[in-house]
Amino acid sequence: MAKKCKFKDCNKKMTPAEKIIGLCKCGNTYCSKHRHDHDCTFDYKEALDKEQFISDNKCVASKMAGEKI
């Protein structure tokens, strides 16, 4: 894992805990200040397998539809 934040011009040295927490799905490691505001290249929409998601959640949706509020 990287020892420093990968955000441009940051280069903050990170502790082992920060390295684990700051690991992004794009594969880079960021400090707490830059974890959310970097240009992430990971495509969340592509990663979601819609058919698998629907089949996993059919039971939940049908149970919720049958409940009375």
PDB file of N, CA and C in Angstrom:
ATOM      1  N   MET A   1       0.831  -1.194   0.000  1.00  0.00           N
ATOM      2  CA  MET A   1       0.000   0.000   0.000  1.00  0.00           C
ATOM      3  C   MET A   1       0.872   1.252   0.000  1.00  0.00           C
ATOM      4  N   ALA A   2       0.304   2.305  -0.478  1.00  0.00           N
ATOM      5  CA  ALA A   2       1.040   3.565  -0.555  1.00  0.00           C
ATOM      6  C   ALA A   2       1.289   4.124   0.842  1.00  0.00           C
ATOM      7  N   LYS A   3       2.396   4.829   0.986  1.00  0.00           N
ATOM      8  CA  LYS A   3       2.725   5.443   2.267  1.00  0.00           C
ATOM      9  C   LYS A   3       2.234   6.876   2.334  1.00  0.00           C
ATOM     10  N   LYS A   4       1.924   7.459   1.159  1.00  0.00           N
ATOM     11  CA  LYS A   4       1.500   8.855   1.108  1.00  0.00           C
ATOM     12  C   LYS A   4       0.191   8.974   0.343  1.00  0.00           C
ATOM     13  N   CYS A   5      -0.512  10.060   0.596  1.00  0.00           N
ATOM     14  CA  CYS A   5      -1.759  10.370  -0.100  1.00  0.00           C
ATOM     15  C   CYS A   5      -1.463  10.583  -1.583  1.00  0.00           C
ATOM     16  N   LYS A   6      -2.300  10.029  -2.445  1.00  0.00           N
ATOM     17  CA  LYS A   6      -2.094  10.128  -3.893  1.00  0.00           C
ATOM     18  C   LYS A   6      -2.736  11.373  -4.510  1.00  0.00           C
ATOM     19  N   PHE A   7      -3.386  12.205  -3.701  1.00  0.00           N
ATOM     20  CA  PHE A   7      -3.992  13.427  -4.225  1.00  0.00           C
ATOM     21  C   PHE A   7      -2.889  14.372  -4.684  1.00  0.00           C
ATOM     22  N   LYS A   8      -3.133  15.044  -5.796  1.00  0.00           N
ATOM     23  CA  LYS A   8      -2.119  15.934  -6.374  1.00  0.00           C
ATOM     24  C   LYS A   8      -1.671  16.981  -5.356  1.00  0.00           C
ATOM     25  N   ASP A   9      -0.377  17.129  -5.176  1.00  0.00           N
ATOM     26  CA  ASP A   9       0.265  18.114  -4.296  1.00  0.00           C
ATOM     27  C   ASP A   9      -0.036  17.919  -2.813  1.00  0.00           C
ATOM     28  N   CYS A  10      -0.499  16.756  -2.392  1.00  0.00           N
ATOM     29  CA  CYS A  10      -0.762  16.535  -0.964  1.00  0.00           C
ATOM     30  C   CYS A  10       0.431  15.824  -0.319  1.00  0.00           C
ATOM     31  N   ASN A  11       0.691  14.594  -0.695  1.00  0.00           N
ATOM     32  CA  ASN A  11       1.812  13.799  -0.190  1.00  0.00           C
ATOM     33  C   ASN A  11       1.876  13.688   1.327  1.00  0.00           C
ATOM     34  N   LYS A  12       0.724  13.716   2.003  1.00  0.00           N
ATOM     35  CA  LYS A  12       0.692  13.549   3.454  1.00  0.00           C
ATOM     36  C   LYS A  12       1.066  12.106   3.804  1.00  0.00           C
ATOM     37  N   LYS A  13       1.979  11.942   4.769  1.00  0.00           N
ATOM     38  CA  LYS A  13       2.324  10.611   5.247  1.00  0.00           C
ATOM     39  C   LYS A  13       1.154  10.096   6.076  1.00  0.00           C
ATOM     40  N   MET A  14       0.810   8.820   5.864  1.00  0.00           N
ATOM     41  CA  MET A  14      -0.354   8.259   6.536  1.00  0.00           C
ATOM     42  C   MET A  14       0.036   7.115   7.462  1.00  0.00           C
ATOM     43  N   THR A  15      -0.731   6.973   8.533  1.00  0.00           N
ATOM     44  CA  THR A  15      -0.541   5.868   9.467  1.00  0.00           C
ATOM     45  C   THR A  15      -1.122   4.601   8.842  1.00  0.00           C
ATOM     46  N   PRO A  16      -0.797   3.432   9.381  1.00  0.00           N
ATOM     47  CA  PRO A  16      -1.381   2.196   8.844  1.00  0.00           C
ATOM     48  C   PRO A  16      -2.915   2.192   8.866  1.00  0.00           C
ATOM     49  N   ALA A  17      -3.507   2.759   9.898  1.00  0.00           N
ATOM     50  CA  ALA A  17      -4.973   2.826   9.961  1.00  0.00           C
ATOM     51  C   ALA A  17      -5.523   3.730   8.865  1.00  0.00           C
ATOM     52  N   GLU A  18      -4.874   4.854   8.620  1.00  0.00           N
ATOM     53  CA  GLU A  18      -5.313   5.767   7.561  1.00  0.00           C
ATOM     54  C   GLU A  18      -5.184   5.120   6.186  1.00  0.00           C
ATOM     55  N   LYS A  19      -4.192   4.261   6.018  1.00  0.00           N
ATOM     56  CA  LYS A  19      -4.011   3.564   4.746  1.00  0.00           C
ATOM     57  C   LYS A  19      -5.191   2.647   4.458  1.00  0.00           C
ATOM     58  N   ILE A  20      -5.669   1.970   5.479  1.00  0.00           N
ATOM     59  CA  ILE A  20      -6.802   1.057   5.306  1.00  0.00           C
ATOM     60  C   ILE A  20      -8.087   1.843   5.072  1.00  0.00           C
ATOM     61  N   ILE A  21      -8.304   2.869   5.871  1.00  0.00           N
ATOM     62  CA  ILE A  21      -9.518   3.674   5.752  1.00  0.00           C
ATOM     63  C   ILE A  21      -9.535   4.455   4.448  1.00  0.00           C
ATOM     64  N   GLY A  22      -8.400   4.927   4.008  1.00  0.00           N
ATOM     65  CA  GLY A  22      -8.319   5.774   2.830  1.00  0.00           C
ATOM     66  C   GLY A  22      -8.254   5.050   1.505  1.00  0.00           C
ATOM     67  N   LEU A  23      -8.320   3.717   1.522  1.00  0.00           N
ATOM     68  CA  LEU A  23      -8.250   2.958   0.284  1.00  0.00           C
ATOM     69  C   LEU A  23      -9.552   3.102  -0.494  1.00  0.00           C
ATOM     70  N   CYS A  24      -9.444   3.587  -1.714  1.00  0.00           N
ATOM     71  CA  CYS A  24     -10.607   3.814  -2.571  1.00  0.00           C
ATOM     72  C   CYS A  24     -10.769   2.639  -3.532  1.00  0.00           C
ATOM     73  N   LYS A  25     -11.966   2.480  -4.085  1.00  0.00           N
ATOM     74  CA  LYS A  25     -12.214   1.407  -5.044  1.00  0.00           C
ATOM     75  C   LYS A  25     -11.442   1.602  -6.342  1.00  0.00           C
ATOM     76  N   CYS A  26     -10.977   2.820  -6.597  1.00  0.00           N
ATOM     77  CA  CYS A  26     -10.174   3.061  -7.800  1.00  0.00           C
ATOM     78  C   CYS A  26      -8.754   2.521  -7.620  1.00  0.00           C
ATOM     79  N   GLY A  27      -8.398   2.120  -6.400  1.00  0.00           N
ATOM     80  CA  GLY A  27      -7.099   1.508  -6.157  1.00  0.00           C
ATOM     81  C   GLY A  27      -6.086   2.428  -5.513  1.00  0.00           C
ATOM     82  N   ASN A  28      -6.390   3.699  -5.390  1.00  0.00           N
ATOM     83  CA  ASN A  28      -5.470   4.652  -4.771  1.00  0.00           C
ATOM     84  C   ASN A  28      -5.823   4.857  -3.306  1.00  0.00           C
ATOM     85  N   THR A  29      -4.869   5.394  -2.555  1.00  0.00           N
ATOM     86  CA  THR A  29      -5.057   5.659  -1.138  1.00  0.00           C
ATOM     87  C   THR A  29      -5.003   7.158  -0.900  1.00  0.00           C
ATOM     88  N   TYR A  30      -5.982   7.674  -0.155  1.00  0.00           N
ATOM     89  CA  TYR A  30      -6.081   9.109   0.087  1.00  0.00           C
ATOM     90  C   TYR A  30      -6.201   9.394   1.580  1.00  0.00           C
ATOM     91  N   CYS A  31      -5.704  10.570   1.978  1.00  0.00           N
ATOM     92  CA  CYS A  31      -5.833  11.003   3.369  1.00  0.00           C
ATOM     93  C   CYS A  31      -7.294  11.375   3.633  1.00  0.00           C
ATOM     94  N   SER A  32      -7.629  11.610   4.888  1.00  0.00           N
ATOM     95  CA  SER A  32      -9.019  11.899   5.249  1.00  0.00           C
ATOM     96  C   SER A  32      -9.536  13.180   4.606  1.00  0.00           C
ATOM     97  N   LYS A  33      -8.655  14.117   4.337  1.00  0.00           N
ATOM     98  CA  LYS A  33      -9.069  15.383   3.723  1.00  0.00           C
ATOM     99  C   LYS A  33      -9.458  15.196   2.252  1.00  0.00           C
ATOM    100  N   HIS A  34      -8.798  14.279   1.560  1.00  0.00           N
ATOM    101  CA  HIS A  34      -9.005  14.128   0.117  1.00  0.00           C
ATOM    102  C   HIS A  34      -9.740  12.850  -0.282  1.00  0.00           C
ATOM    103  N   ARG A  35     -10.185  12.074   0.671  1.00  0.00           N
ATOM    104  CA  ARG A  35     -10.805  10.787   0.365  1.00  0.00           C
ATOM    105  C   ARG A  35     -12.041  10.931  -0.522  1.00  0.00           C
ATOM    106  N   HIS A  36     -12.845  11.959  -0.276  1.00  0.00           N
ATOM    107  CA  HIS A  36     -14.106  12.095  -0.999  1.00  0.00           C
ATOM    108  C   HIS A  36     -14.031  13.026  -2.196  1.00  0.00           C
ATOM    109  N   ASP A  37     -13.063  13.900  -2.263  1.00  0.00           N
ATOM    110  CA  ASP A  37     -13.058  14.903  -3.329  1.00  0.00           C
ATOM    111  C   ASP A  37     -11.994  14.667  -4.403  1.00  0.00           C
ATOM    112  N   HIS A  38     -11.630  13.428  -4.650  1.00  0.00           N
ATOM    113  CA  HIS A  38     -10.694  13.150  -5.740  1.00  0.00           C
ATOM    114  C   HIS A  38     -11.483  12.712  -6.980  1.00  0.00           C
ATOM    115  N   ASP A  39     -10.846  12.750  -8.135  1.00  0.00           N
ATOM    116  CA  ASP A  39     -11.487  12.304  -9.378  1.00  0.00           C
ATOM    117  C   ASP A  39     -11.390  10.785  -9.462  1.00  0.00           C
ATOM    118  N   CYS A  40     -12.381  10.122  -8.908  1.00  0.00           N
ATOM    119  CA  CYS A  40     -12.376   8.664  -8.861  1.00  0.00           C
ATOM    120  C   CYS A  40     -12.675   8.102 -10.248  1.00  0.00           C
ATOM    121  N   THR A  41     -11.878   7.123 -10.665  1.00  0.00           N
ATOM    122  CA  THR A  41     -12.062   6.507 -11.973  1.00  0.00           C
ATOM    123  C   THR A  41     -12.909   5.244 -11.898  1.00  0.00           C
ATOM    124  N   PHE A  42     -13.322   4.848 -10.706  1.00  0.00           N
ATOM    125  CA  PHE A  42     -14.127   3.641 -10.535  1.00  0.00           C
ATOM    126  C   PHE A  42     -15.552   3.913 -11.004  1.00  0.00           C
ATOM    127  N   ASP A  43     -16.097   3.027 -11.829  1.00  0.00           N
ATOM    128  CA  ASP A  43     -17.446   3.187 -12.360  1.00  0.00           C
ATOM    129  C   ASP A  43     -18.410   2.363 -11.504  1.00  0.00           C
ATOM    130  N   TYR A  44     -19.105   3.018 -10.586  1.00  0.00           N
ATOM    131  CA  TYR A  44     -20.016   2.334  -9.678  1.00  0.00           C
ATOM    132  C   TYR A  44     -21.204   1.729 -10.416  1.00  0.00           C
ATOM    133  N   LYS A  45     -21.702   2.411 -11.447  1.00  0.00           N
ATOM    134  CA  LYS A  45     -22.844   1.895 -12.209  1.00  0.00           C
ATOM    135  C   LYS A  45     -22.472   0.616 -12.947  1.00  0.00           C
ATOM    136  N   GLU A  46     -21.282   0.567 -13.497  1.00  0.00           N
ATOM    137  CA  GLU A  46     -20.832  -0.620 -14.219  1.00  0.00           C
ATOM    138  C   GLU A  46     -20.594  -1.783 -13.250  1.00  0.00           C
ATOM    139  N   ALA A  47     -20.154  -1.488 -12.059  1.00  0.00           N
ATOM    140  CA  ALA A  47     -19.839  -2.526 -11.080  1.00  0.00           C
ATOM    141  C   ALA A  47     -21.089  -3.202 -10.534  1.00  0.00           C
ATOM    142  N   LEU A  48     -22.213  -2.509 -10.582  1.00  0.00           N
ATOM    143  CA  LEU A  48     -23.458  -3.059 -10.059  1.00  0.00           C
ATOM    144  C   LEU A  48     -24.074  -3.977 -11.106  1.00  0.00           C
ATOM    145  N   ASP A  49     -24.157  -5.237 -10.792  1.00  0.00           N
ATOM    146  CA  ASP A  49     -24.805  -6.194 -11.678  1.00  0.00           C
ATOM    147  C   ASP A  49     -26.298  -6.114 -11.395  1.00  0.00           C
ATOM    148  N   LYS A  50     -27.044  -5.456 -12.276  1.00  0.00           N
ATOM    149  CA  LYS A  50     -28.456  -5.165 -12.032  1.00  0.00           C
ATOM    150  C   LYS A  50     -29.293  -6.424 -11.862  1.00  0.00           C
ATOM    151  N   GLU A  51     -29.070  -7.424 -12.676  1.00  0.00           N
ATOM    152  CA  GLU A  51     -29.866  -8.644 -12.569  1.00  0.00           C
ATOM    153  C   GLU A  51     -29.615  -9.345 -11.242  1.00  0.00           C
ATOM    154  N   GLN A  52     -28.376  -9.376 -10.804  1.00  0.00           N
ATOM    155  CA  GLN A  52     -28.051  -9.983  -9.510  1.00  0.00           C
ATOM    156  C   GLN A  52     -28.686  -9.179  -8.384  1.00  0.00           C
ATOM    157  N   PHE A  53     -28.652  -7.862  -8.485  1.00  0.00           N
ATOM    158  CA  PHE A  53     -29.245  -6.983  -7.477  1.00  0.00           C
ATOM    159  C   PHE A  53     -30.749  -7.218  -7.384  1.00  0.00           C
ATOM    160  N   ILE A  54     -31.423  -7.326  -8.528  1.00  0.00           N
ATOM    161  CA  ILE A  54     -32.869  -7.540  -8.543  1.00  0.00           C
ATOM    162  C   ILE A  54     -33.210  -8.893  -7.941  1.00  0.00           C
ATOM    163  N   SER A  55     -32.481  -9.925  -8.311  1.00  0.00           N
ATOM    164  CA  SER A  55     -32.774 -11.256  -7.777  1.00  0.00           C
ATOM    165  C   SER A  55     -32.491 -11.332  -6.272  1.00  0.00           C
ATOM    166  N   ASP A  56     -31.504 -10.609  -5.799  1.00  0.00           N
ATOM    167  CA  ASP A  56     -31.199 -10.597  -4.368  1.00  0.00           C
ATOM    168  C   ASP A  56     -32.252  -9.850  -3.567  1.00  0.00           C
ATOM    169  N   ASN A  57     -32.950  -8.901  -4.175  1.00  0.00           N
ATOM    170  CA  ASN A  57     -33.873  -8.042  -3.444  1.00  0.00           C
ATOM    171  C   ASN A  57     -35.345  -8.292  -3.746  1.00  0.00           C
ATOM    172  N   LYS A  58     -35.684  -9.322  -4.510  1.00  0.00           N
ATOM    173  CA  LYS A  58     -37.086  -9.625  -4.793  1.00  0.00           C
ATOM    174  C   LYS A  58     -37.840  -9.956  -3.518  1.00  0.00           C
ATOM    175  N   CYS A  59     -37.251 -10.755  -2.680  1.00  0.00           N
ATOM    176  CA  CYS A  59     -37.900 -11.177  -1.438  1.00  0.00           C
ATOM    177  C   CYS A  59     -38.159  -9.978  -0.542  1.00  0.00           C
ATOM    178  N   VAL A  60     -37.224  -9.096  -0.436  1.00  0.00           N
ATOM    179  CA  VAL A  60     -37.364  -7.910   0.411  1.00  0.00           C
ATOM    180  C   VAL A  60     -38.484  -7.026  -0.115  1.00  0.00           C
ATOM    181  N   ALA A  61     -38.532  -6.804  -1.417  1.00  0.00           N
ATOM    182  CA  ALA A  61     -39.550  -5.943  -2.014  1.00  0.00           C
ATOM    183  C   ALA A  61     -40.935  -6.545  -1.842  1.00  0.00           C
ATOM    184  N   SER A  62     -41.080  -7.849  -2.014  1.00  0.00           N
ATOM    185  CA  SER A  62     -42.393  -8.466  -1.878  1.00  0.00           C
ATOM    186  C   SER A  62     -42.862  -8.449  -0.430  1.00  0.00           C
ATOM    187  N   LYS A  63     -41.962  -8.602   0.514  1.00  0.00           N
ATOM    188  CA  LYS A  63     -42.338  -8.530   1.927  1.00  0.00           C
ATOM    189  C   LYS A  63     -42.784  -7.123   2.294  1.00  0.00           C
ATOM    190  N   MET A  64     -42.077  -6.126   1.777  1.00  0.00           N
ATOM    191  CA  MET A  64     -42.422  -4.741   2.091  1.00  0.00           C
ATOM    192  C   MET A  64     -43.753  -4.357   1.449  1.00  0.00           C
ATOM    193  N   ALA A  65     -44.059  -4.873   0.279  1.00  0.00           N
ATOM    194  CA  ALA A  65     -45.306  -4.545  -0.408  1.00  0.00           C
ATOM    195  C   ALA A  65     -46.498  -5.139   0.329  1.00  0.00           C
ATOM    196  N   GLY A  66     -46.300  -6.252   1.018  1.00  0.00           N
ATOM    197  CA  GLY A  66     -47.393  -6.907   1.727  1.00  0.00           C
ATOM    198  C   GLY A  66     -47.681  -6.313   3.095  1.00  0.00           C
ATOM    199  N   GLU A  67     -46.776  -5.531   3.631  1.00  0.00           N
ATOM    200  CA  GLU A  67     -46.972  -4.946   4.959  1.00  0.00           C
ATOM    201  C   GLU A  67     -47.916  -3.758   4.901  1.00  0.00           C
ATOM    202  N   LYS A  68     -48.703  -3.600   5.962  1.00  0.00           N
ATOM    203  CA  LYS A  68     -49.575  -2.432   6.059  1.00  0.00           C
ATOM    204  C   LYS A  68     -48.895  -1.387   6.922  1.00  0.00           C
ATOM    205  N   ILE A  69     -49.027  -0.175   6.520  1.00  0.00           N
ATOM    206  CA  ILE A  69     -48.380   0.918   7.257  1.00  0.00           C
ATOM    207  C   ILE A  69     -49.344   1.483   8.264  1.00  0.00           C
TER     208      ILE A  69
END
